[in-house]
Amino acid sequence: HAPAKPVTTGQKETVGEWEAEIFTWDGPLGKGRFWVVKDFPKFAEINAVSDKLGKAMGNPMAKMAPQATDFGGMVVKSEMITMGKNISTSLVSAKEQELDAKEFTTPEGYNEMKMPALPGGAPPK
């Protein structure tokens, strides 16, 4: 079944430099509060990438917790209780800037780790 969606409380609070709307969520794995900025620059693109990464990593909790795209804005602060653990996050600052292509080059002396073949399995590619 589909996870519970976050619900707005109608309350607003300033978080850092942003005016945020407070949402709550209650689901099978826990509950939480989320501070969401509706006019955060490029939030839709950021949230789509965040959700895609969570699914690509095979995170089993991704199906049971709210997705970034469920909020209609950028979550800049969250407080969750999940499986008995308190988890808090806060976005301190954000800026868009160009990155130098050198940031993505392989470090000198890097060697890729070769995975051993499984007994009776196909050889590694």
PDB file of N, CA and C in Angstrom:
ATOM      1  N   HIS A   1       0.832  -1.192   0.000  1.00  0.00           N
ATOM      2  CA  HIS A   1       0.000   0.000   0.000  1.00  0.00           C
ATOM      3  C   HIS A   1       0.867   1.242   0.000  1.00  0.00           C
ATOM      4  N   ALA A   2       0.301   2.341  -0.471  1.00  0.00           N
ATOM      5  CA  ALA A   2       1.070   3.588  -0.620  1.00  0.00           C
ATOM      6  C   ALA A   2       1.367   4.192   0.745  1.00  0.00           C
ATOM      7  N   PRO A   3       2.563   4.778   0.904  1.00  0.00           N
ATOM      8  CA  PRO A   3       2.894   5.414   2.181  1.00  0.00           C
ATOM      9  C   PRO A   3       2.029   6.649   2.415  1.00  0.00           C
ATOM     10  N   ALA A   4       1.863   6.992   3.687  1.00  0.00           N
ATOM     11  CA  ALA A   4       1.109   8.192   4.049  1.00  0.00           C
ATOM     12  C   ALA A   4       1.833   9.420   3.509  1.00  0.00           C
ATOM     13  N   LYS A   5       1.057  10.386   3.036  1.00  0.00           N
ATOM     14  CA  LYS A   5       1.634  11.627   2.518  1.00  0.00           C
ATOM     15  C   LYS A   5       1.753  12.644   3.645  1.00  0.00           C
ATOM     16  N   PRO A   6       2.729  13.554   3.561  1.00  0.00           N
ATOM     17  CA  PRO A   6       2.844  14.622   4.547  1.00  0.00           C
ATOM     18  C   PRO A   6       1.637  15.562   4.455  1.00  0.00           C
ATOM     19  N   VAL A   7       1.270  16.157   5.594  1.00  0.00           N
ATOM     20  CA  VAL A   7       0.106  17.044   5.679  1.00  0.00           C
ATOM     21  C   VAL A   7       0.555  18.384   6.256  1.00  0.00           C
ATOM     22  N   THR A   8       0.090  19.477   5.657  1.00  0.00           N
ATOM     23  CA  THR A   8       0.453  20.793   6.168  1.00  0.00           C
ATOM     24  C   THR A   8      -0.265  21.075   7.480  1.00  0.00           C
ATOM     25  N   THR A   9       0.403  21.772   8.378  1.00  0.00           N
ATOM     26  CA  THR A   9      -0.208  22.176   9.647  1.00  0.00           C
ATOM     27  C   THR A   9      -0.796  23.581   9.533  1.00  0.00           C
ATOM     28  N   GLY A  10      -0.428  24.292   8.450  1.00  0.00           N
ATOM     29  CA  GLY A  10      -0.850  25.678   8.301  1.00  0.00           C
ATOM     30  C   GLY A  10       0.064  26.639   9.058  1.00  0.00           C
ATOM     31  N   GLN A  11       1.015  26.105   9.825  1.00  0.00           N
ATOM     32  CA  GLN A  11       1.938  26.942  10.595  1.00  0.00           C
ATOM     33  C   GLN A  11       3.147  27.290   9.740  1.00  0.00           C
ATOM     34  N   LYS A  12       3.725  28.450  10.017  1.00  0.00           N
ATOM     35  CA  LYS A  12       4.949  28.876   9.334  1.00  0.00           C
ATOM     36  C   LYS A  12       6.006  29.233  10.377  1.00  0.00           C
ATOM     37  N   GLU A  13       7.261  29.048   9.992  1.00  0.00           N
ATOM     38  CA  GLU A  13       8.370  29.365  10.892  1.00  0.00           C
ATOM     39  C   GLU A  13       9.586  29.697  10.038  1.00  0.00           C
ATOM     40  N   THR A  14      10.409  30.629  10.503  1.00  0.00           N
ATOM     41  CA  THR A  14      11.631  30.967   9.781  1.00  0.00           C
ATOM     42  C   THR A  14      12.727  29.967  10.163  1.00  0.00           C
ATOM     43  N   VAL A  15      13.355  29.401   9.142  1.00  0.00           N
ATOM     44  CA  VAL A  15      14.486  28.490   9.329  1.00  0.00           C
ATOM     45  C   VAL A  15      15.641  29.102   8.548  1.00  0.00           C
ATOM     46  N   GLY A  16      16.671  29.563   9.263  1.00  0.00           N
ATOM     47  CA  GLY A  16      17.779  30.241   8.590  1.00  0.00           C
ATOM     48  C   GLY A  16      17.253  31.475   7.887  1.00  0.00           C
ATOM     49  N   GLU A  17      17.487  31.539   6.582  1.00  0.00           N
ATOM     50  CA  GLU A  17      17.046  32.692   5.798  1.00  0.00           C
ATOM     51  C   GLU A  17      15.699  32.461   5.114  1.00  0.00           C
ATOM     52  N   TRP A  18      15.054  31.325   5.382  1.00  0.00           N
ATOM     53  CA  TRP A  18      13.852  30.949   4.652  1.00  0.00           C
ATOM     54  C   TRP A  18      12.599  30.968   5.528  1.00  0.00           C
ATOM     55  N   GLU A  19      11.490  31.373   4.915  1.00  0.00           N
ATOM     56  CA  GLU A  19      10.172  31.259   5.544  1.00  0.00           C
ATOM     57  C   GLU A  19       9.624  29.884   5.149  1.00  0.00           C
ATOM     58  N   ALA A  20       9.398  29.027   6.131  1.00  0.00           N
ATOM     59  CA  ALA A  20       9.002  27.646   5.849  1.00  0.00           C
ATOM     60  C   ALA A  20       7.613  27.343   6.387  1.00  0.00           C
ATOM     61  N   GLU A  21       6.933  26.441   5.687  1.00  0.00           N
ATOM     62  CA  GLU A  21       5.636  25.928   6.119  1.00  0.00           C
ATOM     63  C   GLU A  21       5.887  24.575   6.785  1.00  0.00           C
ATOM     64  N   ILE A  22       5.224  24.324   7.913  1.00  0.00           N
ATOM     65  CA  ILE A  22       5.472  23.095   8.666  1.00  0.00           C
ATOM     66  C   ILE A  22       4.476  22.004   8.247  1.00  0.00           C
ATOM     67  N   PHE A  23       5.021  20.833   7.932  1.00  0.00           N
ATOM     68  CA  PHE A  23       4.229  19.654   7.580  1.00  0.00           C
ATOM     69  C   PHE A  23       4.459  18.583   8.643  1.00  0.00           C
ATOM     70  N   THR A  24       3.481  17.701   8.810  1.00  0.00           N
ATOM     71  CA  THR A  24       3.670  16.530   9.665  1.00  0.00           C
ATOM     72  C   THR A  24       3.463  15.278   8.811  1.00  0.00           C
ATOM     73  N   TRP A  25       3.977  14.177   9.311  1.00  0.00           N
ATOM     74  CA  TRP A  25       3.831  12.888   8.628  1.00  0.00           C
ATOM     75  C   TRP A  25       3.781  11.802   9.686  1.00  0.00           C
ATOM     76  N   ASP A  26       2.922  10.842   9.475  1.00  0.00           N
ATOM     77  CA  ASP A  26       2.796   9.689  10.360  1.00  0.00           C
ATOM     78  C   ASP A  26       2.667   8.465   9.471  1.00  0.00           C
ATOM     79  N   GLY A  27       3.595   7.532   9.589  1.00  0.00           N
ATOM     80  CA  GLY A  27       3.582   6.357   8.723  1.00  0.00           C
ATOM     81  C   GLY A  27       3.950   5.102   9.480  1.00  0.00           C
ATOM     82  N   PRO A  28       4.053   3.981   8.762  1.00  0.00           N
ATOM     83  CA  PRO A  28       4.331   2.690   9.406  1.00  0.00           C
ATOM     84  C   PRO A  28       5.680   2.632  10.120  1.00  0.00           C
ATOM     85  N   LEU A  29       6.647   3.454   9.700  1.00  0.00           N
ATOM     86  CA  LEU A  29       7.978   3.401  10.310  1.00  0.00           C
ATOM     87  C   LEU A  29       8.233   4.506  11.321  1.00  0.00           C
ATOM     88  N   GLY A  30       7.296   5.442  11.449  1.00  0.00           N
ATOM     89  CA  GLY A  30       7.538   6.530  12.389  1.00  0.00           C
ATOM     90  C   GLY A  30       6.697   7.743  12.084  1.00  0.00           C
ATOM     91  N   LYS A  31       7.173   8.885  12.599  1.00  0.00           N
ATOM     92  CA  LYS A  31       6.467  10.144  12.364  1.00  0.00           C
ATOM     93  C   LYS A  31       7.476  11.268  12.330  1.00  0.00           C
ATOM     94  N   GLY A  32       7.050  12.420  11.833  1.00  0.00           N
ATOM     95  CA  GLY A  32       7.989  13.520  11.744  1.00  0.00           C
ATOM     96  C   GLY A  32       7.325  14.849  11.465  1.00  0.00           C
ATOM     97  N   ARG A  33       8.172  15.897  11.578  1.00  0.00           N
ATOM     98  CA  ARG A  33       7.787  17.258  11.203  1.00  0.00           C
ATOM     99  C   ARG A  33       8.814  17.752  10.201  1.00  0.00           C
ATOM    100  N   PHE A  34       8.329  18.501   9.217  1.00  0.00           N
ATOM    101  CA  PHE A  34       9.175  18.958   8.121  1.00  0.00           C
ATOM    102  C   PHE A  34       8.897  20.427   7.852  1.00  0.00           C
ATOM    103  N   TRP A  35       9.956  21.223   7.725  1.00  0.00           N
ATOM    104  CA  TRP A  35       9.850  22.644   7.411  1.00  0.00           C
ATOM    105  C   TRP A  35      10.152  22.785   5.915  1.00  0.00           C
ATOM    106  N   VAL A  36       9.167  23.264   5.149  1.00  0.00           N
ATOM    107  CA  VAL A  36       9.233  23.247   3.689  1.00  0.00           C
ATOM    108  C   VAL A  36       9.179  24.672   3.125  1.00  0.00           C
ATOM    109  N   VAL A  37      10.129  24.980   2.241  1.00  0.00           N
ATOM    110  CA  VAL A  37      10.175  26.282   1.577  1.00  0.00           C
ATOM    111  C   VAL A  37       9.607  26.103   0.172  1.00  0.00           C
ATOM    112  N   LYS A  38       8.463  26.751  -0.086  1.00  0.00           N
ATOM    113  CA  LYS A  38       7.756  26.574  -1.359  1.00  0.00           C
ATOM    114  C   LYS A  38       8.429  27.296  -2.529  1.00  0.00           C
ATOM    115  N   ASP A  39       9.178  28.375  -2.253  1.00  0.00           N
ATOM    116  CA  ASP A  39       9.782  29.138  -3.352  1.00  0.00           C
ATOM    117  C   ASP A  39      11.304  28.940  -3.426  1.00  0.00           C
ATOM    118  N   PHE A  40      11.791  27.815  -2.901  1.00  0.00           N
ATOM    119  CA  PHE A  40      13.224  27.514  -2.950  1.00  0.00           C
ATOM    120  C   PHE A  40      13.634  27.342  -4.417  1.00  0.00           C
ATOM    121  N   PRO A  41      14.718  28.006  -4.868  1.00  0.00           N
ATOM    122  CA  PRO A  41      15.122  27.902  -6.276  1.00  0.00           C
ATOM    123  C   PRO A  41      15.390  26.457  -6.702  1.00  0.00           C
ATOM    124  N   LYS A  42      14.762  26.068  -7.785  1.00  0.00           N
ATOM    125  CA  LYS A  42      14.968  24.749  -8.421  1.00  0.00           C
ATOM    126  C   LYS A  42      14.656  23.566  -7.510  1.00  0.00           C
ATOM    127  N   PHE A  43      13.733  23.744  -6.550  1.00  0.00           N
ATOM    128  CA  PHE A  43      13.439  22.642  -5.628  1.00  0.00           C
ATOM    129  C   PHE A  43      12.921  21.406  -6.355  1.00  0.00           C
ATOM    130  N   ALA A  44      12.133  21.579  -7.428  1.00  0.00           N
ATOM    131  CA  ALA A  44      11.553  20.420  -8.123  1.00  0.00           C
ATOM    132  C   ALA A  44      12.655  19.538  -8.714  1.00  0.00           C
ATOM    133  N   GLU A  45      13.664  20.164  -9.339  1.00  0.00           N
ATOM    134  CA  GLU A  45      14.762  19.388  -9.922  1.00  0.00           C
ATOM    135  C   GLU A  45      15.576  18.695  -8.834  1.00  0.00           C
ATOM    136  N   ILE A  46      15.841  19.410  -7.735  1.00  0.00           N
ATOM    137  CA  ILE A  46      16.621  18.839  -6.629  1.00  0.00           C
ATOM    138  C   ILE A  46      15.869  17.655  -6.011  1.00  0.00           C
ATOM    139  N   ASN A  47      14.566  17.816  -5.776  1.00  0.00           N
ATOM    140  CA  ASN A  47      13.770  16.744  -5.171  1.00  0.00           C
ATOM    141  C   ASN A  47      13.684  15.522  -6.077  1.00  0.00           C
ATOM    142  N   ALA A  48      13.547  15.736  -7.379  1.00  0.00           N
ATOM    143  CA  ALA A  48      13.472  14.614  -8.315  1.00  0.00           C
ATOM    144  C   ALA A  48      14.767  13.802  -8.284  1.00  0.00           C
ATOM    145  N   VAL A  49      15.911  14.489  -8.240  1.00  0.00           N
ATOM    146  CA  VAL A  49      17.203  13.797  -8.179  1.00  0.00           C
ATOM    147  C   VAL A  49      17.343  13.064  -6.841  1.00  0.00           C
ATOM    148  N   SER A  50      16.924  13.693  -5.751  1.00  0.00           N
ATOM    149  CA  SER A  50      17.011  13.079  -4.424  1.00  0.00           C
ATOM    150  C   SER A  50      16.206  11.776  -4.375  1.00  0.00           C
ATOM    151  N   ASP A  51      14.976  11.809  -4.875  1.00  0.00           N
ATOM    152  CA  ASP A  51      14.140  10.603  -4.873  1.00  0.00           C
ATOM    153  C   ASP A  51      14.724   9.524  -5.775  1.00  0.00           C
ATOM    154  N   LYS A  52      15.250   9.930  -6.933  1.00  0.00           N
ATOM    155  CA  LYS A  52      15.849   8.970  -7.866  1.00  0.00           C
ATOM    156  C   LYS A  52      17.056   8.287  -7.226  1.00  0.00           C
ATOM    157  N   LEU A  53      17.895   9.066  -6.519  1.00  0.00           N
ATOM    158  CA  LEU A  53      19.060   8.491  -5.842  1.00  0.00           C
ATOM    159  C   LEU A  53      18.637   7.493  -4.763  1.00  0.00           C
ATOM    160  N   GLY A  54      17.614   7.844  -3.980  1.00  0.00           N
ATOM    161  CA  GLY A  54      17.124   6.938  -2.934  1.00  0.00           C
ATOM    162  C   GLY A  54      16.666   5.609  -3.499  1.00  0.00           C
ATOM    163  N   LYS A  55      15.961   5.660  -4.628  1.00  0.00           N
ATOM    164  CA  LYS A  55      15.486   4.421  -5.266  1.00  0.00           C
ATOM    165  C   LYS A  55      16.645   3.642  -5.874  1.00  0.00           C
ATOM    166  N   ALA A  56      17.597   4.363  -6.494  1.00  0.00           N
ATOM    167  CA  ALA A  56      18.739   3.704  -7.131  1.00  0.00           C
ATOM    168  C   ALA A  56      19.615   2.990  -6.105  1.00  0.00           C
ATOM    169  N   MET A  57      19.681   3.544  -4.896  1.00  0.00           N
ATOM    170  CA  MET A  57      20.495   2.933  -3.841  1.00  0.00           C
ATOM    171  C   MET A  57      19.789   1.721  -3.239  1.00  0.00           C
ATOM    172  N   GLY A  58      18.545   1.490  -3.638  1.00  0.00           N
ATOM    173  CA  GLY A  58      17.811   0.342  -3.131  1.00  0.00           C
ATOM    174  C   GLY A  58      17.423   0.490  -1.674  1.00  0.00           C
ATOM    175  N   ASN A  59      17.191   1.729  -1.230  1.00  0.00           N
ATOM    176  CA  ASN A  59      16.829   1.979   0.161  1.00  0.00           C
ATOM    177  C   ASN A  59      15.433   1.416   0.434  1.00  0.00           C
ATOM    178  N   PRO A  60      15.316   0.355   1.270  1.00  0.00           N
ATOM    179  CA  PRO A  60      13.998  -0.234   1.522  1.00  0.00           C
ATOM    180  C   PRO A  60      13.049   0.720   2.233  1.00  0.00           C
ATOM    181  N   MET A  61      13.592   1.704   2.959  1.00  0.00           N
ATOM    182  CA  MET A  61      12.732   2.654   3.664  1.00  0.00           C
ATOM    183  C   MET A  61      12.141   3.697   2.717  1.00  0.00           C
ATOM    184  N   ALA A  62      12.698   3.817   1.505  1.00  0.00           N
ATOM    185  CA  ALA A  62      12.225   4.839   0.569  1.00  0.00           C
ATOM    186  C   ALA A  62      10.747   4.678   0.250  1.00  0.00           C
ATOM    187  N   LYS A  63      10.252   3.441   0.272  1.00  0.00           N
ATOM    188  CA  LYS A  63       8.844   3.208  -0.046  1.00  0.00           C
ATOM    189  C   LYS A  63       7.922   3.532   1.130  1.00  0.00           C
ATOM    190  N   MET A  64       8.459   3.615   2.334  1.00  0.00           N
ATOM    191  CA  MET A  64       7.621   3.786   3.524  1.00  0.00           C
ATOM    192  C   MET A  64       7.693   5.168   4.139  1.00  0.00           C
ATOM    193  N   ALA A  65       8.599   6.008   3.661  1.00  0.00           N
ATOM    194  CA  ALA A  65       8.756   7.364   4.189  1.00  0.00           C
ATOM    195  C   ALA A  65       8.360   8.358   3.103  1.00  0.00           C
ATOM    196  N   PRO A  66       8.090   9.600   3.497  1.00  0.00           N
ATOM    197  CA  PRO A  66       7.740  10.583   2.463  1.00  0.00           C
ATOM    198  C   PRO A  66       8.890  10.794   1.487  1.00  0.00           C
ATOM    199  N   GLN A  67       8.535  10.994   0.234  1.00  0.00           N
ATOM    200  CA  GLN A  67       9.519  11.302  -0.795  1.00  0.00           C
ATOM    201  C   GLN A  67       9.685  12.810  -0.860  1.00  0.00           C
ATOM    202  N   ALA A  68      10.837  13.275  -1.320  1.00  0.00           N
ATOM    203  CA  ALA A  68      11.084  14.712  -1.429  1.00  0.00           C
ATOM    204  C   ALA A  68      10.021  15.391  -2.292  1.00  0.00           C
ATOM    205  N   THR A  69       9.579  14.695  -3.345  1.00  0.00           N
ATOM    206  CA  THR A  69       8.595  15.281  -4.259  1.00  0.00           C
ATOM    207  C   THR A  69       7.195  15.372  -3.638  1.00  0.00           C
ATOM    208  N   ASP A  70       6.960  14.752  -2.484  1.00  0.00           N
ATOM    209  CA  ASP A  70       5.650  14.820  -1.818  1.00  0.00           C
ATOM    210  C   ASP A  70       5.382  16.191  -1.195  1.00  0.00           C
ATOM    211  N   PHE A  71       6.399  17.037  -1.036  1.00  0.00           N
ATOM    212  CA  PHE A  71       6.254  18.261  -0.256  1.00  0.00           C
ATOM    213  C   PHE A  71       5.922  19.512  -1.060  1.00  0.00           C
ATOM    214  N   GLY A  72       6.169  19.528  -2.359  1.00  0.00           N
ATOM    215  CA  GLY A  72       5.897  20.727  -3.143  1.00  0.00           C
ATOM    216  C   GLY A  72       6.796  21.889  -2.776  1.00  0.00           C
ATOM    217  N   GLY A  73       7.985  21.586  -2.305  1.00  0.00           N
ATOM    218  CA  GLY A  73       8.963  22.594  -1.910  1.00  0.00           C
ATOM    219  C   GLY A  73      10.203  21.884  -1.404  1.00  0.00           C
ATOM    220  N   MET A  74      11.146  22.656  -0.869  1.00  0.00           N
ATOM    221  CA  MET A  74      12.403  22.103  -0.370  1.00  0.00           C
ATOM    222  C   MET A  74      12.329  21.936   1.144  1.00  0.00           C
ATOM    223  N   VAL A  75      12.607  20.731   1.633  1.00  0.00           N
ATOM    224  CA  VAL A  75      12.660  20.504   3.078  1.00  0.00           C
ATOM    225  C   VAL A  75      13.990  21.082   3.576  1.00  0.00           C
ATOM    226  N   VAL A  76      13.909  22.124   4.427  1.00  0.00           N
ATOM    227  CA  VAL A  76      15.125  22.748   4.943  1.00  0.00           C
ATOM    228  C   VAL A  76      15.415  22.312   6.376  1.00  0.00           C
ATOM    229  N   LYS A  77      14.428  21.654   7.008  1.00  0.00           N
ATOM    230  CA  LYS A  77      14.630  21.128   8.357  1.00  0.00           C
ATOM    231  C   LYS A  77      13.664  19.968   8.543  1.00  0.00           C
ATOM    232  N   SER A  78      14.108  18.938   9.250  1.00  0.00           N
ATOM    233  CA  SER A  78      13.214  17.826   9.561  1.00  0.00           C
ATOM    234  C   SER A  78      13.553  17.241  10.919  1.00  0.00           C
ATOM    235  N   GLU A  79      12.537  16.744  11.582  1.00  0.00           N
ATOM    236  CA  GLU A  79      12.684  16.012  12.842  1.00  0.00           C
ATOM    237  C   GLU A  79      11.829  14.763  12.710  1.00  0.00           C
ATOM    238  N   MET A  80      12.468  13.601  12.753  1.00  0.00           N
ATOM    239  CA  MET A  80      11.736  12.344  12.596  1.00  0.00           C
ATOM    240  C   MET A  80      12.068  11.393  13.742  1.00  0.00           C
ATOM    241  N   ILE A  81      11.108  10.575  14.075  1.00  0.00           N
ATOM    242  CA  ILE A  81      11.334   9.431  14.955  1.00  0.00           C
ATOM    243  C   ILE A  81      11.021   8.212  14.101  1.00  0.00           C
ATOM    244  N   THR A  82      12.057   7.439  13.818  1.00  0.00           N
ATOM    245  CA  THR A  82      11.923   6.271  12.954  1.00  0.00           C
ATOM    246  C   THR A  82      12.506   5.063  13.666  1.00  0.00           C
ATOM    247  N   MET A  83      11.695   4.037  13.840  1.00  0.00           N
ATOM    248  CA  MET A  83      12.119   2.794  14.494  1.00  0.00           C
ATOM    249  C   MET A  83      12.848   3.095  15.809  1.00  0.00           C
ATOM    250  N   GLY A  84      12.292   4.030  16.604  1.00  0.00           N
ATOM    251  CA  GLY A  84      12.840   4.342  17.912  1.00  0.00           C
ATOM    252  C   GLY A  84      14.031   5.275  17.919  1.00  0.00           C
ATOM    253  N   LYS A  85      14.443   5.765  16.759  1.00  0.00           N
ATOM    254  CA  LYS A  85      15.599   6.655  16.678  1.00  0.00           C
ATOM    255  C   LYS A  85      15.145   8.063  16.267  1.00  0.00           C
ATOM    256  N   ASN A  86      15.726   9.082  16.928  1.00  0.00           N
ATOM    257  CA  ASN A  86      15.469  10.476  16.568  1.00  0.00           C
ATOM    258  C   ASN A  86      16.456  10.892  15.492  1.00  0.00           C
ATOM    259  N   ILE A  87      15.937  11.454  14.390  1.00  0.00           N
ATOM    260  CA  ILE A  87      16.776  11.908  13.291  1.00  0.00           C
ATOM    261  C   ILE A  87      16.386  13.341  12.970  1.00  0.00           C
ATOM    262  N   SER A  88      17.361  14.255  13.020  1.00  0.00           N
ATOM    263  CA  SER A  88      17.103  15.662  12.699  1.00  0.00           C
ATOM    264  C   SER A  88      18.046  16.105  11.599  1.00  0.00           C
ATOM    265  N   THR A  89      17.529  16.924  10.682  1.00  0.00           N
ATOM    266  CA  THR A  89      18.367  17.511   9.639  1.00  0.00           C
ATOM    267  C   THR A  89      18.051  18.989   9.530  1.00  0.00           C
ATOM    268  N   SER A  90      19.039  19.769   9.120  1.00  0.00           N
ATOM    269  CA  SER A  90      18.851  21.189   8.845  1.00  0.00           C
ATOM    270  C   SER A  90      19.742  21.587   7.683  1.00  0.00           C
ATOM    271  N   LEU A  91      19.176  22.340   6.736  1.00  0.00           N
ATOM    272  CA  LEU A  91      19.957  22.908   5.648  1.00  0.00           C
ATOM    273  C   LEU A  91      20.460  24.255   6.123  1.00  0.00           C
ATOM    274  N   VAL A  92      21.771  24.423   6.180  1.00  0.00           N
ATOM    275  CA  VAL A  92      22.364  25.639   6.715  1.00  0.00           C
ATOM    276  C   VAL A  92      22.466  26.719   5.641  1.00  0.00           C
ATOM    277  N   SER A  93      22.932  26.344   4.446  1.00  0.00           N
ATOM    278  CA  SER A  93      23.015  27.308   3.352  1.00  0.00           C
ATOM    279  C   SER A  93      23.014  26.552   2.033  1.00  0.00           C
ATOM    280  N   ALA A  94      22.727  27.268   0.964  1.00  0.00           N
ATOM    281  CA  ALA A  94      22.726  26.662  -0.365  1.00  0.00           C
ATOM    282  C   ALA A  94      23.052  27.738  -1.382  1.00  0.00           C
ATOM    283  N   LYS A  95      23.831  27.373  -2.404  1.00  0.00           N
ATOM    284  CA  LYS A  95      24.089  28.304  -3.495  1.00  0.00           C
ATOM    285  C   LYS A  95      24.336  27.501  -4.758  1.00  0.00           C
ATOM    286  N   GLU A  96      23.978  28.112  -5.864  1.00  0.00           N
ATOM    287  CA  GLU A  96      24.220  27.484  -7.160  1.00  0.00           C
ATOM    288  C   GLU A  96      25.500  28.076  -7.724  1.00  0.00           C
ATOM    289  N   GLN A  97      26.392  27.192  -8.179  1.00  0.00           N
ATOM    290  CA  GLN A  97      27.642  27.665  -8.757  1.00  0.00           C
ATOM    291  C   GLN A  97      28.160  26.648  -9.754  1.00  0.00           C
ATOM    292  N   GLU A  98      28.976  27.115 -10.660  1.00  0.00           N
ATOM    293  CA  GLU A  98      29.629  26.233 -11.624  1.00  0.00           C
ATOM    294  C   GLU A  98      30.753  25.479 -10.910  1.00  0.00           C
ATOM    295  N   LEU A  99      30.938  24.219 -11.265  1.00  0.00           N
ATOM    296  CA  LEU A  99      32.042  23.436 -10.733  1.00  0.00           C
ATOM    297  C   LEU A  99      33.071  23.209 -11.826  1.00  0.00           C
ATOM    298  N   ASP A 100      34.319  23.264 -11.449  1.00  0.00           N
ATOM    299  CA  ASP A 100      35.406  23.003 -12.373  1.00  0.00           C
ATOM    300  C   ASP A 100      35.405  21.520 -12.731  1.00  0.00           C
ATOM    301  N   ALA A 101      35.598  21.212 -13.997  1.00  0.00           N
ATOM    302  CA  ALA A 101      35.635  19.816 -14.448  1.00  0.00           C
ATOM    303  C   ALA A 101      36.694  19.010 -13.709  1.00  0.00           C
ATOM    304  N   LYS A 102      37.739  19.682 -13.189  1.00  0.00           N
ATOM    305  CA  LYS A 102      38.799  18.994 -12.442  1.00  0.00           C
ATOM    306  C   LYS A 102      38.249  18.298 -11.196  1.00  0.00           C
ATOM    307  N   GLU A 103      37.104  18.791 -10.675  1.00  0.00           N
ATOM    308  CA  GLU A 103      36.498  18.171  -9.491  1.00  0.00           C
ATOM    309  C   GLU A 103      36.072  16.727  -9.763  1.00  0.00           C
ATOM    310  N   PHE A 104      35.902  16.384 -11.039  1.00  0.00           N
ATOM    311  CA  PHE A 104      35.378  15.072 -11.401  1.00  0.00           C
ATOM    312  C   PHE A 104      36.419  14.163 -12.040  1.00  0.00           C
ATOM    313  N   THR A 105      37.705  14.521 -11.960  1.00  0.00           N
ATOM    314  CA  THR A 105      38.746  13.675 -12.543  1.00  0.00           C
ATOM    315  C   THR A 105      39.197  12.628 -11.530  1.00  0.00           C
ATOM    316  N   THR A 106      39.640  11.508 -12.038  1.00  0.00           N
ATOM    317  CA  THR A 106      40.122  10.421 -11.196  1.00  0.00           C
ATOM    318  C   THR A 106      41.447  10.827 -10.547  1.00  0.00           C
ATOM    319  N   PRO A 107      41.580  10.628  -9.242  1.00  0.00           N
ATOM    320  CA  PRO A 107      42.835  11.016  -8.571  1.00  0.00           C
ATOM    321  C   PRO A 107      44.023  10.226  -9.113  1.00  0.00           C
ATOM    322  N   GLU A 108      45.175  10.862  -9.134  1.00  0.00           N
ATOM    323  CA  GLU A 108      46.395  10.201  -9.594  1.00  0.00           C
ATOM    324  C   GLU A 108      46.702   9.018  -8.688  1.00  0.00           C
ATOM    325  N   GLY A 109      47.093   7.902  -9.295  1.00  0.00           N
ATOM    326  CA  GLY A 109      47.433   6.713  -8.522  1.00  0.00           C
ATOM    327  C   GLY A 109      46.230   5.856  -8.155  1.00  0.00           C
ATOM    328  N   TYR A 110      45.029   6.238  -8.614  1.00  0.00           N
ATOM    329  CA  TYR A 110      43.829   5.466  -8.290  1.00  0.00           C
ATOM    330  C   TYR A 110      43.833   4.150  -9.056  1.00  0.00           C
ATOM    331  N   ASN A 111      43.528   3.068  -8.366  1.00  0.00           N
ATOM    332  CA  ASN A 111      43.379   1.751  -8.989  1.00  0.00           C
ATOM    333  C   ASN A 111      42.010   1.216  -8.645  1.00  0.00           C
ATOM    334  N   GLU A 112      41.279   0.763  -9.661  1.00  0.00           N
ATOM    335  CA  GLU A 112      39.961   0.189  -9.430  1.00  0.00           C
ATOM    336  C   GLU A 112      40.112  -1.166  -8.742  1.00  0.00           C
ATOM    337  N   MET A 113      39.304  -1.384  -7.713  1.00  0.00           N
ATOM    338  CA  MET A 113      39.356  -2.655  -6.999  1.00  0.00           C
ATOM    339  C   MET A 113      38.737  -3.744  -7.880  1.00  0.00           C
ATOM    340  N   LYS A 114      39.456  -4.831  -8.064  1.00  0.00           N
ATOM    341  CA  LYS A 114      38.944  -5.953  -8.858  1.00  0.00           C
ATOM    342  C   LYS A 114      38.140  -6.865  -7.946  1.00  0.00           C
ATOM    343  N   MET A 115      36.934  -7.151  -8.362  1.00  0.00           N
ATOM    344  CA  MET A 115      36.072  -8.020  -7.561  1.00  0.00           C
ATOM    345  C   MET A 115      36.428  -9.475  -7.843  1.00  0.00           C
ATOM    346  N   PRO A 116      36.573 -10.278  -6.794  1.00  0.00           N
ATOM    347  CA  PRO A 116      36.884 -11.698  -7.020  1.00  0.00           C
ATOM    348  C   PRO A 116      35.681 -12.414  -7.631  1.00  0.00           C
ATOM    349  N   ALA A 117      35.968 -13.447  -8.426  1.00  0.00           N
ATOM    350  CA  ALA A 117      34.895 -14.242  -9.025  1.00  0.00           C
ATOM    351  C   ALA A 117      34.288 -15.142  -7.956  1.00  0.00           C
ATOM    352  N   LEU A 118      32.988 -15.337  -8.048  1.00  0.00           N
ATOM    353  CA  LEU A 118      32.328 -16.269  -7.140  1.00  0.00           C
ATOM    354  C   LEU A 118      32.595 -17.689  -7.607  1.00  0.00           C
ATOM    355  N   PRO A 119      32.807 -18.638  -6.697  1.00  0.00           N
ATOM    356  CA  PRO A 119      33.049 -20.030  -7.125  1.00  0.00           C
ATOM    357  C   PRO A 119      31.862 -20.539  -7.949  1.00  0.00           C
ATOM    358  N   GLY A 120      32.164 -21.026  -9.149  1.00  0.00           N
ATOM    359  CA  GLY A 120      31.115 -21.564 -10.008  1.00  0.00           C
ATOM    360  C   GLY A 120      30.305 -20.492 -10.727  1.00  0.00           C
ATOM    361  N   GLY A 121      30.629 -19.234 -10.489  1.00  0.00           N
ATOM    362  CA  GLY A 121      29.883 -18.146 -11.126  1.00  0.00           C
ATOM    363  C   GLY A 121      30.562 -17.681 -12.404  1.00  0.00           C
ATOM    364  N   ALA A 122      29.907 -16.761 -13.063  1.00  0.00           N
ATOM    365  CA  ALA A 122      30.479 -16.179 -14.291  1.00  0.00           C
ATOM    366  C   ALA A 122      31.665 -15.316 -13.902  1.00  0.00           C
ATOM    367  N   PRO A 123      32.662 -15.245 -14.771  1.00  0.00           N
ATOM    368  CA  PRO A 123      33.813 -14.382 -14.455  1.00  0.00           C
ATOM    369  C   PRO A 123      33.368 -12.912 -14.398  1.00  0.00           C
ATOM    370  N   PRO A 124      34.041 -12.110 -13.565  1.00  0.00           N
ATOM    371  CA  PRO A 124      33.655 -10.693 -13.468  1.00  0.00           C
ATOM    372  C   PRO A 124      33.907  -9.970 -14.785  1.00  0.00           C
ATOM    373  N   LYS A 125      33.084  -8.955 -15.047  1.00  0.00           N
ATOM    374  CA  LYS A 125      33.231  -8.198 -16.295  1.00  0.00           C
ATOM    375  C   LYS A 125      34.251  -7.108 -16.131  1.00  0.00           C
TER     376      LYS A 125
END
